Amino acid sequence: MMKGFMRALFNPKLTSTALRVSLVVGSVLFAINHGVALTKGEMTRNRWLSGLITYLVPYSVSIHGQHTGRSRNSIEN
């Protein structure tokens, strides 16, 4: 299961949707978590790293959902 998910992270059939989800959801989360620091010029190296992770989480969740859905559909059919 984990090996399949790791391959799915870079599957071109899944990445397009995951990138869009990541951009929208990640941007909202980034604004919530780091918006004030960004506007005040208080972004540190650690905050930028945290900001990057903010985009990776929705990407991973989207890939997981797509991968799981496709796996279940192939089992059922």
PDB file of N, CA and C in Angstrom:
ATOM      1  N   MET A   1       0.827  -1.200   0.000  1.00  0.00           N
ATOM      2  CA  MET A   1       0.000   0.000   0.000  1.00  0.00           C
ATOM      3  C   MET A   1       0.868   1.260   0.000  1.00  0.00           C
ATOM      4  N   MET A   2       1.889   1.293   0.857  1.00  0.00           N
ATOM      5  CA  MET A   2       2.744   2.473   0.942  1.00  0.00           C
ATOM      6  C   MET A   2       3.541   2.673  -0.345  1.00  0.00           C
ATOM      7  N   LYS A   3       4.000   1.569  -0.934  1.00  0.00           N
ATOM      8  CA  LYS A   3       4.765   1.663  -2.177  1.00  0.00           C
ATOM      9  C   LYS A   3       3.899   2.266  -3.286  1.00  0.00           C
ATOM     10  N   GLY A   4       2.643   1.837  -3.342  1.00  0.00           N
ATOM     11  CA  GLY A   4       1.719   2.380  -4.334  1.00  0.00           C
ATOM     12  C   GLY A   4       1.456   3.862  -4.121  1.00  0.00           C
ATOM     13  N   PHE A   5       1.331   4.272  -2.869  1.00  0.00           N
ATOM     14  CA  PHE A   5       1.115   5.691  -2.558  1.00  0.00           C
ATOM     15  C   PHE A   5       2.335   6.516  -2.945  1.00  0.00           C
ATOM     16  N   MET A   6       3.517   5.992  -2.685  1.00  0.00           N
ATOM     17  CA  MET A   6       4.744   6.728  -3.024  1.00  0.00           C
ATOM     18  C   MET A   6       4.832   6.930  -4.540  1.00  0.00           C
ATOM     19  N   ARG A   7       4.457   5.921  -5.317  1.00  0.00           N
ATOM     20  CA  ARG A   7       4.433   6.070  -6.780  1.00  0.00           C
ATOM     21  C   ARG A   7       3.363   7.075  -7.190  1.00  0.00           C
ATOM     22  N   ALA A   8       2.238   7.057  -6.489  1.00  0.00           N
ATOM     23  CA  ALA A   8       1.127   7.957  -6.816  1.00  0.00           C
ATOM     24  C   ALA A   8       1.510   9.421  -6.620  1.00  0.00           C
ATOM     25  N   LEU A   9       2.437   9.695  -5.704  1.00  0.00           N
ATOM     26  CA  LEU A   9       2.849  11.083  -5.456  1.00  0.00           C
ATOM     27  C   LEU A   9       3.364  11.770  -6.717  1.00  0.00           C
ATOM     28  N   PHE A  10       3.873  10.984  -7.656  1.00  0.00           N
ATOM     29  CA  PHE A  10       4.452  11.554  -8.878  1.00  0.00           C
ATOM     30  C   PHE A  10       3.736  11.080 -10.144  1.00  0.00           C
ATOM     31  N   ASN A  11       2.557  10.490  -9.979  1.00  0.00           N
ATOM     32  CA  ASN A  11       1.777  10.018 -11.119  1.00  0.00           C
ATOM     33  C   ASN A  11       1.170  11.223 -11.841  1.00  0.00           C
ATOM     34  N   PRO A  12       1.527  11.432 -13.104  1.00  0.00           N
ATOM     35  CA  PRO A  12       1.015  12.600 -13.836  1.00  0.00           C
ATOM     36  C   PRO A  12      -0.515  12.652 -13.910  1.00  0.00           C
ATOM     37  N   LYS A  13      -1.172  11.504 -13.836  1.00  0.00           N
ATOM     38  CA  LYS A  13      -2.642  11.493 -13.879  1.00  0.00           C
ATOM     39  C   LYS A  13      -3.247  12.063 -12.598  1.00  0.00           C
ATOM     40  N   LEU A  14      -2.477  12.085 -11.519  1.00  0.00           N
ATOM     41  CA  LEU A  14      -2.974  12.562 -10.230  1.00  0.00           C
ATOM     42  C   LEU A  14      -2.410  13.933  -9.853  1.00  0.00           C
ATOM     43  N   THR A  15      -1.223  14.241 -10.325  1.00  0.00           N
ATOM     44  CA  THR A  15      -0.543  15.457  -9.863  1.00  0.00           C
ATOM     45  C   THR A  15      -1.238  16.745 -10.284  1.00  0.00           C
ATOM     46  N   SER A  16      -1.871  16.745 -11.449  1.00  0.00           N
ATOM     47  CA  SER A  16      -2.527  17.972 -11.909  1.00  0.00           C
ATOM     48  C   SER A  16      -3.579  18.446 -10.912  1.00  0.00           C
ATOM     49  N   THR A  17      -4.450  17.537 -10.510  1.00  0.00           N
ATOM     50  CA  THR A  17      -5.482  17.885  -9.529  1.00  0.00           C
ATOM     51  C   THR A  17      -4.855  18.229  -8.187  1.00  0.00           C
ATOM     52  N   ALA A  18      -3.867  17.439  -7.769  1.00  0.00           N
ATOM     53  CA  ALA A  18      -3.230  17.660  -6.469  1.00  0.00           C
ATOM     54  C   ALA A  18      -2.535  19.016  -6.417  1.00  0.00           C
ATOM     55  N   LEU A  19      -1.929  19.428  -7.513  1.00  0.00           N
ATOM     56  CA  LEU A  19      -1.265  20.743  -7.536  1.00  0.00           C
ATOM     57  C   LEU A  19      -2.282  21.873  -7.408  1.00  0.00           C
ATOM     58  N   ARG A  20      -3.416  21.736  -8.054  1.00  0.00           N
ATOM     59  CA  ARG A  20      -4.457  22.772  -7.935  1.00  0.00           C
ATOM     60  C   ARG A  20      -5.004  22.829  -6.514  1.00  0.00           C
ATOM     61  N   VAL A  21      -5.268  21.665  -5.929  1.00  0.00           N
ATOM     62  CA  VAL A  21      -5.752  21.618  -4.545  1.00  0.00           C
ATOM     63  C   VAL A  21      -4.718  22.241  -3.621  1.00  0.00           C
ATOM     64  N   SER A  22      -3.469  21.881  -3.824  1.00  0.00           N
ATOM     65  CA  SER A  22      -2.393  22.402  -2.989  1.00  0.00           C
ATOM     66  C   SER A  22      -2.284  23.926  -3.090  1.00  0.00           C
ATOM     67  N   LEU A  23      -2.407  24.438  -4.299  1.00  0.00           N
ATOM     68  CA  LEU A  23      -2.305  25.884  -4.494  1.00  0.00           C
ATOM     69  C   LEU A  23      -3.429  26.625  -3.782  1.00  0.00           C
ATOM     70  N   VAL A  24      -4.645  26.143  -3.925  1.00  0.00           N
ATOM     71  CA  VAL A  24      -5.789  26.827  -3.309  1.00  0.00           C
ATOM     72  C   VAL A  24      -5.791  26.641  -1.794  1.00  0.00           C
ATOM     73  N   VAL A  25      -5.799  25.391  -1.350  1.00  0.00           N
ATOM     74  CA  VAL A  25      -5.885  25.109   0.087  1.00  0.00           C
ATOM     75  C   VAL A  25      -4.617  25.571   0.797  1.00  0.00           C
ATOM     76  N   GLY A  26      -3.467  25.310   0.194  1.00  0.00           N
ATOM     77  CA  GLY A  26      -2.198  25.736   0.793  1.00  0.00           C
ATOM     78  C   GLY A  26      -2.117  27.244   0.955  1.00  0.00           C
ATOM     79  N   SER A  27      -2.614  27.980  -0.036  1.00  0.00           N
ATOM     80  CA  SER A  27      -2.576  29.450   0.051  1.00  0.00           C
ATOM     81  C   SER A  27      -3.470  29.974   1.170  1.00  0.00           C
ATOM     82  N   VAL A  28      -4.638  29.362   1.324  1.00  0.00           N
ATOM     83  CA  VAL A  28      -5.530  29.765   2.423  1.00  0.00           C
ATOM     84  C   VAL A  28      -4.851  29.475   3.759  1.00  0.00           C
ATOM     85  N   LEU A  29      -4.299  28.273   3.897  1.00  0.00           N
ATOM     86  CA  LEU A  29      -3.623  27.917   5.148  1.00  0.00           C
ATOM     87  C   LEU A  29      -2.398  28.791   5.393  1.00  0.00           C
ATOM     88  N   PHE A  30      -1.654  29.093   4.321  1.00  0.00           N
ATOM     89  CA  PHE A  30      -0.482  29.959   4.464  1.00  0.00           C
ATOM     90  C   PHE A  30      -0.900  31.335   4.976  1.00  0.00           C
ATOM     91  N   ALA A  31      -1.968  31.881   4.399  1.00  0.00           N
ATOM     92  CA  ALA A  31      -2.447  33.201   4.829  1.00  0.00           C
ATOM     93  C   ALA A  31      -2.883  33.181   6.292  1.00  0.00           C
ATOM     94  N   ILE A  32      -3.570  32.105   6.686  1.00  0.00           N
ATOM     95  CA  ILE A  32      -4.015  31.992   8.076  1.00  0.00           C
ATOM     96  C   ILE A  32      -2.827  31.890   9.024  1.00  0.00           C
ATOM     97  N   ASN A  33      -1.877  31.027   8.685  1.00  0.00           N
ATOM     98  CA  ASN A  33      -0.774  30.736   9.595  1.00  0.00           C
ATOM     99  C   ASN A  33       0.392  31.710   9.531  1.00  0.00           C
ATOM    100  N   HIS A  34       0.612  32.325   8.358  1.00  0.00           N
ATOM    101  CA  HIS A  34       1.815  33.143   8.196  1.00  0.00           C
ATOM    102  C   HIS A  34       1.543  34.533   7.630  1.00  0.00           C
ATOM    103  N   GLY A  35       0.298  34.847   7.362  1.00  0.00           N
ATOM    104  CA  GLY A  35      -0.035  36.117   6.727  1.00  0.00           C
ATOM    105  C   GLY A  35       0.453  37.338   7.483  1.00  0.00           C
ATOM    106  N   VAL A  36       0.252  37.354   8.769  1.00  0.00           N
ATOM    107  CA  VAL A  36       0.665  38.513   9.570  1.00  0.00           C
ATOM    108  C   VAL A  36       2.182  38.656   9.549  1.00  0.00           C
ATOM    109  N   ALA A  37       2.880  37.548   9.735  1.00  0.00           N
ATOM    110  CA  ALA A  37       4.348  37.593   9.720  1.00  0.00           C
ATOM    111  C   ALA A  37       4.853  38.046   8.354  1.00  0.00           C
ATOM    112  N   LEU A  38       4.218  37.603   7.286  1.00  0.00           N
ATOM    113  CA  LEU A  38       4.626  37.997   5.942  1.00  0.00           C
ATOM    114  C   LEU A  38       4.434  39.497   5.726  1.00  0.00           C
ATOM    115  N   THR A  39       3.269  40.010   6.121  1.00  0.00           N
ATOM    116  CA  THR A  39       3.001  41.435   5.915  1.00  0.00           C
ATOM    117  C   THR A  39       3.879  42.322   6.800  1.00  0.00           C
ATOM    118  N   LYS A  40       4.302  41.803   7.947  1.00  0.00           N
ATOM    119  CA  LYS A  40       5.175  42.574   8.843  1.00  0.00           C
ATOM    120  C   LYS A  40       6.651  42.377   8.534  1.00  0.00           C
ATOM    121  N   GLY A  41       6.957  41.528   7.541  1.00  0.00           N
ATOM    122  CA  GLY A  41       8.361  41.277   7.201  1.00  0.00           C
ATOM    123  C   GLY A  41       9.078  40.449   8.253  1.00  0.00           C
ATOM    124  N   GLU A  42       8.347  39.609   8.945  1.00  0.00           N
ATOM    125  CA  GLU A  42       8.921  38.808  10.030  1.00  0.00           C
ATOM    126  C   GLU A  42       9.053  37.328   9.664  1.00  0.00           C
ATOM    127  N   MET A  43       9.167  37.040   8.382  1.00  0.00           N
ATOM    128  CA  MET A  43       9.307  35.653   7.961  1.00  0.00           C
ATOM    129  C   MET A  43      10.750  35.200   8.204  1.00  0.00           C
ATOM    130  N   THR A  44      10.889  34.191   9.029  1.00  0.00           N
ATOM    131  CA  THR A  44      12.200  33.613   9.310  1.00  0.00           C
ATOM    132  C   THR A  44      12.388  32.378   8.425  1.00  0.00           C
ATOM    133  N   ARG A  45      13.581  31.836   8.470  1.00  0.00           N
ATOM    134  CA  ARG A  45      13.861  30.620   7.715  1.00  0.00           C
ATOM    135  C   ARG A  45      12.901  29.492   8.137  1.00  0.00           C
ATOM    136  N   ASN A  46      12.676  29.359   9.425  1.00  0.00           N
ATOM    137  CA  ASN A  46      11.766  28.323   9.923  1.00  0.00           C
ATOM    138  C   ASN A  46      10.333  28.551   9.462  1.00  0.00           C
ATOM    139  N   ARG A  47       9.916  29.804   9.414  1.00  0.00           N
ATOM    140  CA  ARG A  47       8.559  30.104   8.939  1.00  0.00           C
ATOM    141  C   ARG A  47       8.419  29.758   7.465  1.00  0.00           C
ATOM    142  N   TRP A  48       9.430  30.044   6.657  1.00  0.00           N
ATOM    143  CA  TRP A  48       9.377  29.696   5.237  1.00  0.00           C
ATOM    144  C   TRP A  48       9.322  28.183   5.055  1.00  0.00           C
ATOM    145  N   LEU A  49      10.073  27.459   5.860  1.00  0.00           N
ATOM    146  CA  LEU A  49      10.029  25.998   5.804  1.00  0.00           C
ATOM    147  C   LEU A  49       8.632  25.504   6.177  1.00  0.00           C
ATOM    148  N   SER A  50       8.085  26.061   7.230  1.00  0.00           N
ATOM    149  CA  SER A  50       6.727  25.716   7.643  1.00  0.00           C
ATOM    150  C   SER A  50       5.725  26.068   6.541  1.00  0.00           C
ATOM    151  N   GLY A  51       5.940  27.183   5.877  1.00  0.00           N
ATOM    152  CA  GLY A  51       5.076  27.590   4.769  1.00  0.00           C
ATOM    153  C   GLY A  51       5.123  26.602   3.619  1.00  0.00           C
ATOM    154  N   LEU A  52       6.307  26.069   3.326  1.00  0.00           N
ATOM    155  CA  LEU A  52       6.437  25.059   2.285  1.00  0.00           C
ATOM    156  C   LEU A  52       5.647  23.805   2.652  1.00  0.00           C
ATOM    157  N   ILE A  53       5.777  23.389   3.895  1.00  0.00           N
ATOM    158  CA  ILE A  53       5.051  22.208   4.363  1.00  0.00           C
ATOM    159  C   ILE A  53       3.543  22.452   4.290  1.00  0.00           C
ATOM    160  N   THR A  54       3.129  23.686   4.477  1.00  0.00           N
ATOM    161  CA  THR A  54       1.714  24.052   4.381  1.00  0.00           C
ATOM    162  C   THR A  54       1.149  23.664   3.017  1.00  0.00           C
ATOM    163  N   TYR A  55       1.961  23.733   1.968  1.00  0.00           N
ATOM    164  CA  TYR A  55       1.515  23.350   0.632  1.00  0.00           C
ATOM    165  C   TYR A  55       1.649  21.848   0.386  1.00  0.00           C
ATOM    166  N   LEU A  56       2.597  21.213   1.046  1.00  0.00           N
ATOM    167  CA  LEU A  56       2.797  19.777   0.844  1.00  0.00           C
ATOM    168  C   LEU A  56       1.678  18.935   1.449  1.00  0.00           C
ATOM    169  N   VAL A  57       1.111  19.402   2.535  1.00  0.00           N
ATOM    170  CA  VAL A  57       0.060  18.624   3.206  1.00  0.00           C
ATOM    171  C   VAL A  57      -1.178  18.465   2.314  1.00  0.00           C
ATOM    172  N   PRO A  58      -1.776  19.534   1.779  1.00  0.00           N
ATOM    173  CA  PRO A  58      -2.944  19.321   0.919  1.00  0.00           C
ATOM    174  C   PRO A  58      -2.606  18.551  -0.362  1.00  0.00           C
ATOM    175  N   TYR A  59      -1.380  18.698  -0.867  1.00  0.00           N
ATOM    176  CA  TYR A  59      -0.953  17.918  -2.030  1.00  0.00           C
ATOM    177  C   TYR A  59      -0.999  16.426  -1.690  1.00  0.00           C
ATOM    178  N   SER A  60      -0.399  16.069  -0.569  1.00  0.00           N
ATOM    179  CA  SER A  60      -0.350  14.666  -0.148  1.00  0.00           C
ATOM    180  C   SER A  60      -1.747  14.112   0.117  1.00  0.00           C
ATOM    181  N   VAL A  61      -2.583  14.892   0.753  1.00  0.00           N
ATOM    182  CA  VAL A  61      -3.950  14.451   1.050  1.00  0.00           C
ATOM    183  C   VAL A  61      -4.736  14.245  -0.245  1.00  0.00           C
ATOM    184  N   SER A  62      -4.572  15.134  -1.204  1.00  0.00           N
ATOM    185  CA  SER A  62      -5.255  14.989  -2.485  1.00  0.00           C
ATOM    186  C   SER A  62      -4.790  13.732  -3.215  1.00  0.00           C
ATOM    187  N   ILE A  63      -3.479  13.511  -3.253  1.00  0.00           N
ATOM    188  CA  ILE A  63      -2.946  12.312  -3.892  1.00  0.00           C
ATOM    189  C   ILE A  63      -3.487  11.068  -3.193  1.00  0.00           C
ATOM    190  N   HIS A  64      -3.481  11.086  -1.878  1.00  0.00           N
ATOM    191  CA  HIS A  64      -3.978   9.929  -1.119  1.00  0.00           C
ATOM    192  C   HIS A  64      -5.439   9.635  -1.466  1.00  0.00           C
ATOM    193  N   GLY A  65      -6.264  10.664  -1.496  1.00  0.00           N
ATOM    194  CA  GLY A  65      -7.673  10.475  -1.818  1.00  0.00           C
ATOM    195  C   GLY A  65      -7.876   9.937  -3.223  1.00  0.00           C
ATOM    196  N   GLN A  66      -7.146  10.497  -4.174  1.00  0.00           N
ATOM    197  CA  GLN A  66      -7.261  10.024  -5.550  1.00  0.00           C
ATOM    198  C   GLN A  66      -6.770   8.581  -5.678  1.00  0.00           C
ATOM    199  N   HIS A  67      -5.645   8.295  -5.063  1.00  0.00           N
ATOM    200  CA  HIS A  67      -5.062   6.951  -5.124  1.00  0.00           C
ATOM    201  C   HIS A  67      -5.989   5.928  -4.467  1.00  0.00           C
ATOM    202  N   THR A  68      -6.508   6.257  -3.316  1.00  0.00           N
ATOM    203  CA  THR A  68      -7.415   5.355  -2.613  1.00  0.00           C
ATOM    204  C   THR A  68      -8.688   5.120  -3.423  1.00  0.00           C
ATOM    205  N   GLY A  69      -9.238   6.184  -3.973  1.00  0.00           N
ATOM    206  CA  GLY A  69     -10.440   6.061  -4.793  1.00  0.00           C
ATOM    207  C   GLY A  69     -10.213   5.181  -6.011  1.00  0.00           C
ATOM    208  N   ARG A  70      -9.101   5.374  -6.689  1.00  0.00           N
ATOM    209  CA  ARG A  70      -8.791   4.554  -7.864  1.00  0.00           C
ATOM    210  C   ARG A  70      -8.554   3.104  -7.462  1.00  0.00           C
ATOM    211  N   SER A  71      -7.883   2.896  -6.341  1.00  0.00           N
ATOM    212  CA  SER A  71      -7.615   1.529  -5.877  1.00  0.00           C
ATOM    213  C   SER A  71      -8.922   0.815  -5.556  1.00  0.00           C
ATOM    214  N   ARG A  72      -9.825   1.491  -4.892  1.00  0.00           N
ATOM    215  CA  ARG A  72     -11.119   0.877  -4.543  1.00  0.00           C
ATOM    216  C   ARG A  72     -11.939   0.596  -5.788  1.00  0.00           C
ATOM    217  N   ASN A  73     -11.911   1.517  -6.746  1.00  0.00           N
ATOM    218  CA  ASN A  73     -12.666   1.311  -7.980  1.00  0.00           C
ATOM    219  C   ASN A  73     -12.126   0.119  -8.760  1.00  0.00           C
ATOM    220  N   SER A  74     -10.818  -0.063  -8.776  1.00  0.00           N
ATOM    221  CA  SER A  74     -10.257  -1.187  -9.528  1.00  0.00           C
ATOM    222  C   SER A  74     -10.558  -2.513  -8.836  1.00  0.00           C
ATOM    223  N   ILE A  75     -10.689  -2.498  -7.524  1.00  0.00           N
ATOM    224  CA  ILE A  75     -11.030  -3.717  -6.790  1.00  0.00           C
ATOM    225  C   ILE A  75     -12.496  -4.079  -7.019  1.00  0.00           C
ATOM    226  N   GLU A  76     -13.366  -3.074  -7.036  1.00  0.00           N
ATOM    227  CA  GLU A  76     -14.796  -3.301  -7.181  1.00  0.00           C
ATOM    228  C   GLU A  76     -15.173  -3.714  -8.607  1.00  0.00           C
ATOM    229  N   ASN A  77     -14.395  -3.274  -9.580  1.00  0.00           N
ATOM    230  CA  ASN A  77     -14.736  -3.576 -10.986  1.00  0.00           C
ATOM    231  C   ASN A  77     -14.079  -4.819 -11.462  1.00  0.00           C
TER     232      ASN A  77
END
